[in-house]
Amino acid sequence: MLVIVALWEGYKLLGPDDGVVIAGTRVLPRTTDLAMPHIWDMIVRLAEPVTRAPDSPPLWGVIALGALTTLGIAAAGWLLGLVVGVGLALVMQRWRLAEWGLLPWIVLSQTVPLIAFAPLVKSWGSQLSRGGVDWQDWMSVALIASYLAFFPIAVGALKGLQSPDRIHVELFHTYAAGYWGELWSLRLPAAVPYLLPALRLGAANAVIGAVVAEVSTGLQGGIGRLLVQFAGQASGDPAKAWGPIFGAVALGLVAAGSVALLGVTLKNFRRGEAL
């Protein structure tokens, strides 16, 4: 982070006001205060009110509230992605034919443009109603977050479930442990070193999916909506537009760090990460 700050301020100090232009194409941004505010101006702006209204809350408070809203939605999406990803991994590990049939489609699913996909999910969800419970907009955002989260979890869990050595698998067959005994005592513990990095990546993907989905669906209250709202005010208040960006970065760090804390409880199964 210090290196990024040094590069930012160094380029702002030494770079041309109109940016670096090569063959008529600007490859580096302008260094004016409107395009590149000073880092300290961005930090100071976080402590100032959002608007000039007398009762306006500080900018950091609004961003923190939006980040918590997005974090809750992303967590719901991550949990759904965890269930779907591990479920698919179990099916693919159990039957090789399922792996051949499902894995290419799982990979292909990540090529769908999320910005175009999000409004469709919202439209489909708005037509659902079961047991008097209507589909809420945040559910569409959580579903899109799970769409990005399940992919690394499924691939990582599958790799982990397939990681035990043949000699260990044959030993369990010799003891007639059965599928569930082999899964619980051998394959799941062996999958932990592969699954934890996949869970961290899935958490980061869930945050990205939630932010993009909030922008695409217009959901109010989240960090994604603040990004769009404050970006529209950048011409008059450039430092304010960077506040939600800091919030989104902190949100991703919190999501990945929470999964890292989960890994502490499973440290006895993480020997493979040291190899």
C-alpha atoms as a PDB file:
ATOM      1  CA  MET A   1       0.000   0.000   0.000  1.00  0.00           C
ATOM      2  CA  LEU A   2       2.864   2.353   0.758  1.00  0.00           C
ATOM      3  CA  VAL A   3       4.356   1.597  -2.654  1.00  0.00           C
ATOM      4  CA  ILE A   4       1.036   2.424  -4.316  1.00  0.00           C
ATOM      5  CA  VAL A   5       0.834   5.706  -2.407  1.00  0.00           C
ATOM      6  CA  ALA A   6       4.419   6.567  -3.409  1.00  0.00           C
ATOM      7  CA  LEU A   7       3.752   5.760  -7.075  1.00  0.00           C
ATOM      8  CA  TRP A   8       0.532   7.788  -7.035  1.00  0.00           C
ATOM      9  CA  GLU A   9       2.083  10.888  -5.502  1.00  0.00           C
ATOM     10  CA  GLY A  10       5.306  10.522  -7.483  1.00  0.00           C
ATOM     11  CA  TYR A  11       3.477  10.387 -10.800  1.00  0.00           C
ATOM     12  CA  LYS A  12       1.236  13.274  -9.751  1.00  0.00           C
ATOM     13  CA  LEU A  13       4.339  15.338  -8.937  1.00  0.00           C
ATOM     14  CA  LEU A  14       6.405  14.474 -11.999  1.00  0.00           C
ATOM     15  CA  GLY A  15       3.839  13.565 -14.655  1.00  0.00           C
ATOM     16  CA  PRO A  16       2.471  16.030 -17.216  1.00  0.00           C
ATOM     17  CA  ASP A  17      -0.861  17.699 -16.506  1.00  0.00           C
ATOM     18  CA  ASP A  18      -2.396  16.161 -19.644  1.00  0.00           C
ATOM     19  CA  GLY A  19      -1.081  12.683 -18.866  1.00  0.00           C
ATOM     20  CA  VAL A  20       1.243  10.526 -20.950  1.00  0.00           C
ATOM     21  CA  VAL A  21       0.100  10.398 -24.576  1.00  0.00           C
ATOM     22  CA  ILE A  22       1.639   7.960 -27.065  1.00  0.00           C
ATOM     23  CA  ALA A  23       0.601   8.002 -30.735  1.00  0.00           C
ATOM     24  CA  GLY A  24      -2.466  10.047 -29.886  1.00  0.00           C
ATOM     25  CA  THR A  25      -3.597   7.648 -27.137  1.00  0.00           C
ATOM     26  CA  ARG A  26      -3.454   8.566 -23.455  1.00  0.00           C
ATOM     27  CA  VAL A  27      -1.831   5.623 -21.653  1.00  0.00           C
ATOM     28  CA  LEU A  28      -1.489   7.320 -18.248  1.00  0.00           C
ATOM     29  CA  PRO A  29      -4.080   9.643 -16.683  1.00  0.00           C
ATOM     30  CA  ARG A  30      -3.964  13.376 -16.203  1.00  0.00           C
ATOM     31  CA  THR A  31      -2.294  14.593 -13.028  1.00  0.00           C
ATOM     32  CA  THR A  32      -4.648  17.454 -12.246  1.00  0.00           C
ATOM     33  CA  ASP A  33      -6.419  17.558  -8.868  1.00  0.00           C
ATOM     34  CA  LEU A  34      -9.682  16.793 -10.650  1.00  0.00           C
ATOM     35  CA  ALA A  35      -8.374  13.556 -12.155  1.00  0.00           C
ATOM     36  CA  MET A  36      -5.906  12.542  -9.412  1.00  0.00           C
ATOM     37  CA  PRO A  37      -6.559  14.069  -5.994  1.00  0.00           C
ATOM     38  CA  HIS A  38      -3.822  13.833  -3.393  1.00  0.00           C
ATOM     39  CA  ILE A  39      -4.030  10.818  -1.089  1.00  0.00           C
ATOM     40  CA  TRP A  40      -4.263  13.062   1.970  1.00  0.00           C
ATOM     41  CA  ASP A  41      -7.145  14.966   0.387  1.00  0.00           C
ATOM     42  CA  MET A  42      -9.039  11.681  -0.020  1.00  0.00           C
ATOM     43  CA  ILE A  43      -8.392  10.741   3.618  1.00  0.00           C
ATOM     44  CA  VAL A  44      -9.419  14.154   4.929  1.00  0.00           C
ATOM     45  CA  ARG A  45     -12.587  14.013   2.827  1.00  0.00           C
ATOM     46  CA  LEU A  46     -13.630  10.801   4.596  1.00  0.00           C
ATOM     47  CA  ALA A  47     -13.997  12.729   7.869  1.00  0.00           C
ATOM     48  CA  GLU A  48     -16.059  15.523   6.304  1.00  0.00           C
ATOM     49  CA  PRO A  49     -19.873  15.493   5.908  1.00  0.00           C
ATOM     50  CA  VAL A  50     -21.312  13.849   2.815  1.00  0.00           C
ATOM     51  CA  THR A  51     -23.177  17.016   1.860  1.00  0.00           C
ATOM     52  CA  ARG A  52     -23.303  20.598   3.117  1.00  0.00           C
ATOM     53  CA  ALA A  53     -26.533  19.986   5.010  1.00  0.00           C
ATOM     54  CA  PRO A  54     -26.229  20.753   8.760  1.00  0.00           C
ATOM     55  CA  ASP A  55     -27.246  17.233   9.840  1.00  0.00           C
ATOM     56  CA  SER A  56     -25.252  15.414   7.153  1.00  0.00           C
ATOM     57  CA  PRO A  57     -23.343  12.354   8.469  1.00  0.00           C
ATOM     58  CA  PRO A  58     -19.610  11.967   7.820  1.00  0.00           C
ATOM     59  CA  LEU A  59     -18.577  10.339   4.572  1.00  0.00           C
ATOM     60  CA  TRP A  60     -16.866   7.424   6.292  1.00  0.00           C
ATOM     61  CA  GLY A  61     -20.086   6.573   8.164  1.00  0.00           C
ATOM     62  CA  VAL A  62     -22.125   6.373   4.967  1.00  0.00           C
ATOM     63  CA  ILE A  63     -19.436   4.249   3.318  1.00  0.00           C
ATOM     64  CA  ALA A  64     -19.187   1.948   6.355  1.00  0.00           C
ATOM     65  CA  LEU A  65     -22.959   1.418   6.351  1.00  0.00           C
ATOM     66  CA  GLY A  66     -22.943   0.681   2.626  1.00  0.00           C
ATOM     67  CA  ALA A  67     -20.002  -1.694   3.029  1.00  0.00           C
ATOM     68  CA  LEU A  68     -21.785  -3.606   5.810  1.00  0.00           C
ATOM     69  CA  THR A  69     -24.877  -3.923   3.630  1.00  0.00           C
ATOM     70  CA  THR A  70     -22.834  -5.291   0.749  1.00  0.00           C
ATOM     71  CA  LEU A  71     -20.870  -7.552   3.094  1.00  0.00           C
ATOM     72  CA  GLY A  72     -24.064  -9.177   4.365  1.00  0.00           C
ATOM     73  CA  ILE A  73     -25.314  -9.800   0.836  1.00  0.00           C
ATOM     74  CA  ALA A  74     -21.914 -11.110  -0.274  1.00  0.00           C
ATOM     75  CA  ALA A  75     -21.802 -13.435   2.749  1.00  0.00           C
ATOM     76  CA  ALA A  76     -25.172 -14.899   1.791  1.00  0.00           C
ATOM     77  CA  GLY A  77     -23.910 -15.390  -1.762  1.00  0.00           C
ATOM     78  CA  TRP A  78     -20.678 -16.956  -0.499  1.00  0.00           C
ATOM     79  CA  LEU A  79     -22.570 -19.458   1.652  1.00  0.00           C
ATOM     80  CA  LEU A  80     -24.776 -20.407  -1.286  1.00  0.00           C
ATOM     81  CA  GLY A  81     -21.708 -20.712  -3.511  1.00  0.00           C
ATOM     82  CA  LEU A  82     -20.058 -22.893  -0.865  1.00  0.00           C
ATOM     83  CA  VAL A  83     -23.006 -25.296  -0.793  1.00  0.00           C
ATOM     84  CA  VAL A  84     -23.251 -25.466  -4.584  1.00  0.00           C
ATOM     85  CA  GLY A  85     -19.480 -25.666  -5.159  1.00  0.00           C
ATOM     86  CA  VAL A  86     -18.813 -28.403  -2.605  1.00  0.00           C
ATOM     87  CA  GLY A  87     -21.906 -30.283  -3.751  1.00  0.00           C
ATOM     88  CA  LEU A  88     -20.716 -30.270  -7.359  1.00  0.00           C
ATOM     89  CA  ALA A  89     -17.222 -31.315  -6.257  1.00  0.00           C
ATOM     90  CA  LEU A  90     -18.613 -34.282  -4.335  1.00  0.00           C
ATOM     91  CA  VAL A  91     -20.643 -35.405  -7.343  1.00  0.00           C
ATOM     92  CA  MET A  92     -17.691 -35.029  -9.726  1.00  0.00           C
ATOM     93  CA  GLN A  93     -15.327 -36.870  -7.377  1.00  0.00           C
ATOM     94  CA  ARG A  94     -17.798 -39.711  -6.885  1.00  0.00           C
ATOM     95  CA  TRP A  95     -18.528 -40.296 -10.566  1.00  0.00           C
ATOM     96  CA  ARG A  96     -15.867 -39.642 -13.197  1.00  0.00           C
ATOM     97  CA  LEU A  97     -18.535 -39.372 -15.893  1.00  0.00           C
ATOM     98  CA  ALA A  98     -20.094 -36.459 -13.963  1.00  0.00           C
ATOM     99  CA  GLU A  99     -16.703 -34.721 -13.901  1.00  0.00           C
ATOM    100  CA  TRP A 100     -16.315 -35.092 -17.648  1.00  0.00           C
ATOM    101  CA  GLY A 101     -19.828 -33.769 -18.214  1.00  0.00           C
ATOM    102  CA  LEU A 102     -20.008 -30.972 -15.609  1.00  0.00           C
ATOM    103  CA  LEU A 103     -16.529 -29.468 -15.387  1.00  0.00           C
ATOM    104  CA  PRO A 104     -16.483 -27.944 -18.916  1.00  0.00           C
ATOM    105  CA  TRP A 105     -19.848 -26.299 -18.247  1.00  0.00           C
ATOM    106  CA  ILE A 106     -18.675 -25.003 -14.883  1.00  0.00           C
ATOM    107  CA  VAL A 107     -15.707 -23.360 -16.587  1.00  0.00           C
ATOM    108  CA  LEU A 108     -17.910 -22.059 -19.402  1.00  0.00           C
ATOM    109  CA  SER A 109     -20.321 -20.488 -16.904  1.00  0.00           C
ATOM    110  CA  GLN A 110     -17.683 -17.940 -15.889  1.00  0.00           C
ATOM    111  CA  THR A 111     -17.518 -16.488 -19.406  1.00  0.00           C
ATOM    112  CA  VAL A 112     -21.031 -15.002 -19.180  1.00  0.00           C
ATOM    113  CA  PRO A 113     -20.797 -11.182 -18.888  1.00  0.00           C
ATOM    114  CA  LEU A 114     -22.031 -10.322 -15.419  1.00  0.00           C
ATOM    115  CA  ILE A 115     -23.290  -6.841 -16.293  1.00  0.00           C
ATOM    116  CA  ALA A 116     -25.673  -8.316 -18.867  1.00  0.00           C
ATOM    117  CA  PHE A 117     -26.632 -11.253 -16.647  1.00  0.00           C
ATOM    118  CA  ALA A 118     -27.557  -9.279 -13.515  1.00  0.00           C
ATOM    119  CA  PRO A 119     -30.644  -7.455 -14.894  1.00  0.00           C
ATOM    120  CA  LEU A 120     -32.002 -10.775 -16.198  1.00  0.00           C
ATOM    121  CA  VAL A 121     -31.685 -12.371 -12.763  1.00  0.00           C
ATOM    122  CA  LYS A 122     -33.523  -9.430 -11.215  1.00  0.00           C
ATOM    123  CA  SER A 123     -36.271  -9.673 -13.833  1.00  0.00           C
ATOM    124  CA  TRP A 124     -36.702 -13.426 -13.329  1.00  0.00           C
ATOM    125  CA  GLY A 125     -36.655 -13.092  -9.564  1.00  0.00           C
ATOM    126  CA  SER A 126     -39.329 -10.395  -9.536  1.00  0.00           C
ATOM    127  CA  GLN A 127     -41.730 -12.942 -11.039  1.00  0.00           C
ATOM    128  CA  LEU A 128     -41.202 -15.445  -8.205  1.00  0.00           C
ATOM    129  CA  SER A 129     -43.463 -15.682  -5.182  1.00  0.00           C
ATOM    130  CA  ARG A 130     -43.743 -18.750  -2.971  1.00  0.00           C
ATOM    131  CA  GLY A 131     -45.741 -19.103   0.228  1.00  0.00           C
ATOM    132  CA  GLY A 132     -46.490 -15.398   0.387  1.00  0.00           C
ATOM    133  CA  VAL A 133     -42.774 -14.532   0.320  1.00  0.00           C
ATOM    134  CA  ASP A 134     -41.801 -12.221  -2.528  1.00  0.00           C
ATOM    135  CA  TRP A 135     -38.397 -12.235  -4.151  1.00  0.00           C
ATOM    136  CA  GLN A 136     -36.372  -9.286  -2.875  1.00  0.00           C
ATOM    137  CA  ASP A 137     -33.829  -7.334  -4.906  1.00  0.00           C
ATOM    138  CA  TRP A 138     -31.030  -8.217  -2.499  1.00  0.00           C
ATOM    139  CA  MET A 139     -31.684 -11.894  -3.216  1.00  0.00           C
ATOM    140  CA  SER A 140     -30.848 -11.308  -6.868  1.00  0.00           C
ATOM    141  CA  VAL A 141     -27.581  -9.664  -5.841  1.00  0.00           C
ATOM    142  CA  ALA A 142     -26.758 -12.568  -3.484  1.00  0.00           C
ATOM    143  CA  LEU A 143     -27.519 -15.067  -6.240  1.00  0.00           C
ATOM    144  CA  ILE A 144     -25.158 -13.280  -8.618  1.00  0.00           C
ATOM    145  CA  ALA A 145     -22.483 -13.179  -5.901  1.00  0.00           C
ATOM    146  CA  SER A 146     -22.837 -16.939  -5.456  1.00  0.00           C
ATOM    147  CA  TYR A 147     -22.497 -17.347  -9.219  1.00  0.00           C
ATOM    148  CA  LEU A 148     -18.955 -15.992  -9.034  1.00  0.00           C
ATOM    149  CA  ALA A 149     -18.138 -17.638  -5.693  1.00  0.00           C
ATOM    150  CA  PHE A 150     -19.015 -21.243  -6.524  1.00  0.00           C
ATOM    151  CA  PHE A 151     -16.499 -21.658  -9.358  1.00  0.00           C
ATOM    152  CA  PRO A 152     -13.186 -21.522  -7.420  1.00  0.00           C
ATOM    153  CA  ILE A 153     -14.776 -23.457  -4.556  1.00  0.00           C
ATOM    154  CA  ALA A 154     -15.926 -26.250  -6.861  1.00  0.00           C
ATOM    155  CA  VAL A 155     -12.549 -26.534  -8.610  1.00  0.00           C
ATOM    156  CA  GLY A 156     -10.545 -26.333  -5.374  1.00  0.00           C
ATOM    157  CA  ALA A 157     -12.751 -28.834  -3.545  1.00  0.00           C
ATOM    158  CA  LEU A 158     -12.575 -31.260  -6.458  1.00  0.00           C
ATOM    159  CA  LYS A 159      -8.782 -31.056  -6.568  1.00  0.00           C
ATOM    160  CA  GLY A 160      -8.632 -31.617  -2.816  1.00  0.00           C
ATOM    161  CA  LEU A 161     -11.020 -34.547  -2.814  1.00  0.00           C
ATOM    162  CA  GLN A 162      -8.919 -36.214  -5.503  1.00  0.00           C
ATOM    163  CA  SER A 163      -5.618 -35.532  -3.706  1.00  0.00           C
ATOM    164  CA  PRO A 164      -5.255 -38.592  -1.379  1.00  0.00           C
ATOM    165  CA  ASP A 165      -2.569 -41.048  -2.445  1.00  0.00           C
ATOM    166  CA  ARG A 166      -3.717 -44.328  -3.952  1.00  0.00           C
ATOM    167  CA  ILE A 167      -2.070 -46.277  -1.134  1.00  0.00           C
ATOM    168  CA  HIS A 168      -4.271 -44.492   1.426  1.00  0.00           C
ATOM    169  CA  VAL A 169      -7.416 -45.049  -0.629  1.00  0.00           C
ATOM    170  CA  GLU A 170      -6.586 -48.732  -1.005  1.00  0.00           C
ATOM    171  CA  LEU A 171      -6.020 -48.986   2.743  1.00  0.00           C
ATOM    172  CA  PHE A 172      -9.538 -47.709   3.367  1.00  0.00           C
ATOM    173  CA  HIS A 173     -10.857 -50.212   0.821  1.00  0.00           C
ATOM    174  CA  THR A 174      -9.002 -52.973   2.644  1.00  0.00           C
ATOM    175  CA  TYR A 175     -10.696 -51.986   5.893  1.00  0.00           C
ATOM    176  CA  ALA A 176     -14.074 -51.890   4.073  1.00  0.00           C
ATOM    177  CA  ALA A 177     -14.592 -48.321   5.298  1.00  0.00           C
ATOM    178  CA  GLY A 178     -17.200 -47.593   2.635  1.00  0.00           C
ATOM    179  CA  TYR A 179     -17.724 -44.368   0.694  1.00  0.00           C
ATOM    180  CA  TRP A 180     -18.877 -42.210   3.608  1.00  0.00           C
ATOM    181  CA  GLY A 181     -16.113 -43.408   5.923  1.00  0.00           C
ATOM    182  CA  GLU A 182     -13.509 -42.738   3.248  1.00  0.00           C
ATOM    183  CA  LEU A 183     -15.017 -39.320   2.516  1.00  0.00           C
ATOM    184  CA  TRP A 184     -15.190 -38.202   6.148  1.00  0.00           C
ATOM    185  CA  SER A 185     -11.879 -39.587   7.408  1.00  0.00           C
ATOM    186  CA  LEU A 186      -9.664 -39.317   4.330  1.00  0.00           C
ATOM    187  CA  ARG A 187     -10.855 -37.142   1.479  1.00  0.00           C
ATOM    188  CA  LEU A 188     -12.347 -34.187   3.378  1.00  0.00           C
ATOM    189  CA  PRO A 189      -9.280 -33.708   5.647  1.00  0.00           C
ATOM    190  CA  ALA A 190      -7.019 -34.018   2.596  1.00  0.00           C
ATOM    191  CA  ALA A 191      -9.102 -31.388   0.771  1.00  0.00           C
ATOM    192  CA  VAL A 192      -8.642 -28.680   3.428  1.00  0.00           C
ATOM    193  CA  PRO A 193      -5.296 -27.295   2.089  1.00  0.00           C
ATOM    194  CA  TYR A 194      -6.900 -26.949  -1.351  1.00  0.00           C
ATOM    195  CA  LEU A 195     -10.260 -25.723  -0.117  1.00  0.00           C
ATOM    196  CA  LEU A 196      -9.096 -22.839   2.084  1.00  0.00           C
ATOM    197  CA  PRO A 197      -7.432 -20.840  -0.734  1.00  0.00           C
ATOM    198  CA  ALA A 198     -10.505 -21.546  -2.881  1.00  0.00           C
ATOM    199  CA  LEU A 199     -12.755 -20.226  -0.111  1.00  0.00           C
ATOM    200  CA  ARG A 200     -10.704 -17.027   0.123  1.00  0.00           C
ATOM    201  CA  LEU A 201     -10.898 -16.544  -3.624  1.00  0.00           C
ATOM    202  CA  GLY A 202     -14.613 -17.317  -3.519  1.00  0.00           C
ATOM    203  CA  ALA A 203     -15.111 -14.680  -0.810  1.00  0.00           C
ATOM    204  CA  ALA A 204     -13.337 -12.052  -2.916  1.00  0.00           C
ATOM    205  CA  ASN A 205     -15.374 -13.087  -5.954  1.00  0.00           C
ATOM    206  CA  ALA A 206     -18.584 -12.838  -3.936  1.00  0.00           C
ATOM    207  CA  VAL A 207     -17.731  -9.246  -3.000  1.00  0.00           C
ATOM    208  CA  ILE A 208     -16.970  -8.392  -6.630  1.00  0.00           C
ATOM    209  CA  GLY A 209     -20.190 -10.029  -7.772  1.00  0.00           C
ATOM    210  CA  ALA A 210     -22.238  -8.198  -5.137  1.00  0.00           C
ATOM    211  CA  VAL A 211     -20.756  -4.791  -6.023  1.00  0.00           C
ATOM    212  CA  VAL A 212     -21.229  -5.283  -9.773  1.00  0.00           C
ATOM    213  CA  ALA A 213     -24.739  -6.629  -9.272  1.00  0.00           C
ATOM    214  CA  GLU A 214     -25.690  -3.637  -7.120  1.00  0.00           C
ATOM    215  CA  VAL A 215     -24.545  -1.353  -9.907  1.00  0.00           C
ATOM    216  CA  SER A 216     -26.364  -3.348 -12.605  1.00  0.00           C
ATOM    217  CA  THR A 217     -29.621  -3.865 -10.711  1.00  0.00           C
ATOM    218  CA  GLY A 218     -29.754  -0.451  -9.033  1.00  0.00           C
ATOM    219  CA  LEU A 219     -30.016  -1.852  -5.497  1.00  0.00           C
ATOM    220  CA  GLN A 220     -29.950   0.957  -2.955  1.00  0.00           C
ATOM    221  CA  GLY A 221     -27.868   1.052   0.213  1.00  0.00           C
ATOM    222  CA  GLY A 222     -24.819  -0.920  -0.868  1.00  0.00           C
ATOM    223  CA  ILE A 223     -21.291   0.134  -1.716  1.00  0.00           C
ATOM    224  CA  GLY A 224     -21.926  -0.465  -5.424  1.00  0.00           C
ATOM    225  CA  ARG A 225     -24.653   2.152  -5.553  1.00  0.00           C
ATOM    226  CA  LEU A 226     -22.410   4.614  -3.710  1.00  0.00           C
ATOM    227  CA  LEU A 227     -19.703   4.073  -6.323  1.00  0.00           C
ATOM    228  CA  VAL A 228     -22.078   5.157  -9.072  1.00  0.00           C
ATOM    229  CA  GLN A 229     -23.643   7.979  -7.073  1.00  0.00           C
ATOM    230  CA  PHE A 230     -20.392   9.583  -5.936  1.00  0.00           C
ATOM    231  CA  ALA A 231     -18.705   9.068  -9.304  1.00  0.00           C
ATOM    232  CA  GLY A 232     -21.371  11.318 -10.796  1.00  0.00           C
ATOM    233  CA  GLN A 233     -20.281  14.050  -8.366  1.00  0.00           C
ATOM    234  CA  ALA A 234     -16.552  13.721  -9.127  1.00  0.00           C
ATOM    235  CA  SER A 235     -16.433  16.829 -11.291  1.00  0.00           C
ATOM    236  CA  GLY A 236     -17.258  19.023  -8.304  1.00  0.00           C
ATOM    237  CA  ASP A 237     -15.841  16.878  -5.498  1.00  0.00           C
ATOM    238  CA  PRO A 238     -13.158  14.537  -6.883  1.00  0.00           C
ATOM    239  CA  ALA A 239     -11.893  13.294  -3.501  1.00  0.00           C
ATOM    240  CA  LYS A 240     -15.396  12.159  -2.511  1.00  0.00           C
ATOM    241  CA  ALA A 241     -15.580   9.692  -5.401  1.00  0.00           C
ATOM    242  CA  TRP A 242     -12.632   7.738  -3.996  1.00  0.00           C
ATOM    243  CA  GLY A 243     -14.334   7.074  -0.657  1.00  0.00           C
ATOM    244  CA  PRO A 244     -16.474   4.139  -1.884  1.00  0.00           C
ATOM    245  CA  ILE A 245     -13.415   2.719  -3.654  1.00  0.00           C
ATOM    246  CA  PHE A 246     -11.586   2.598  -0.312  1.00  0.00           C
ATOM    247  CA  GLY A 247     -14.685   0.985   1.175  1.00  0.00           C
ATOM    248  CA  ALA A 248     -14.780  -1.679  -1.530  1.00  0.00           C
ATOM    249  CA  VAL A 249     -11.089  -2.468  -0.997  1.00  0.00           C
ATOM    250  CA  ALA A 250     -11.617  -2.766   2.761  1.00  0.00           C
ATOM    251  CA  LEU A 251     -14.660  -4.933   2.100  1.00  0.00           C
ATOM    252  CA  GLY A 252     -12.617  -7.402   0.056  1.00  0.00           C
ATOM    253  CA  LEU A 253      -9.905  -7.528   2.724  1.00  0.00           C
ATOM    254  CA  VAL A 254     -12.471  -8.210   5.451  1.00  0.00           C
ATOM    255  CA  ALA A 255     -14.101 -10.976   3.404  1.00  0.00           C
ATOM    256  CA  ALA A 256     -10.801 -12.717   2.650  1.00  0.00           C
ATOM    257  CA  GLY A 257      -9.566 -12.187   6.211  1.00  0.00           C
ATOM    258  CA  SER A 258     -12.696 -13.769   7.659  1.00  0.00           C
ATOM    259  CA  VAL A 259     -12.030 -16.925   5.684  1.00  0.00           C
ATOM    260  CA  ALA A 260      -8.403 -16.837   6.847  1.00  0.00           C
ATOM    261  CA  LEU A 261      -9.670 -16.895  10.445  1.00  0.00           C
ATOM    262  CA  LEU A 262     -11.681 -19.965   9.541  1.00  0.00           C
ATOM    263  CA  GLY A 263      -8.442 -21.580   8.415  1.00  0.00           C
ATOM    264  CA  VAL A 264      -6.960 -21.122  11.891  1.00  0.00           C
ATOM    265  CA  THR A 265      -9.511 -23.554  13.282  1.00  0.00           C
ATOM    266  CA  LEU A 266      -8.469 -26.113  10.657  1.00  0.00           C
ATOM    267  CA  LYS A 267      -4.714 -25.691  11.068  1.00  0.00           C
ATOM    268  CA  ASN A 268      -4.208 -29.395  11.840  1.00  0.00           C
ATOM    269  CA  PHE A 269      -5.257 -30.233   8.272  1.00  0.00           C
ATOM    270  CA  ARG A 270      -3.079 -27.603   6.534  1.00  0.00           C
ATOM    271  CA  ARG A 271       0.179 -29.500   6.290  1.00  0.00           C
ATOM    272  CA  GLY A 272      -0.095 -29.636   2.513  1.00  0.00           C
ATOM    273  CA  GLU A 273       0.179 -25.838   2.208  1.00  0.00           C
ATOM    274  CA  ALA A 274       3.765 -25.972   3.495  1.00  0.00           C
ATOM    275  CA  LEU A 275       4.932 -28.314   0.726  1.00  0.00           C
END
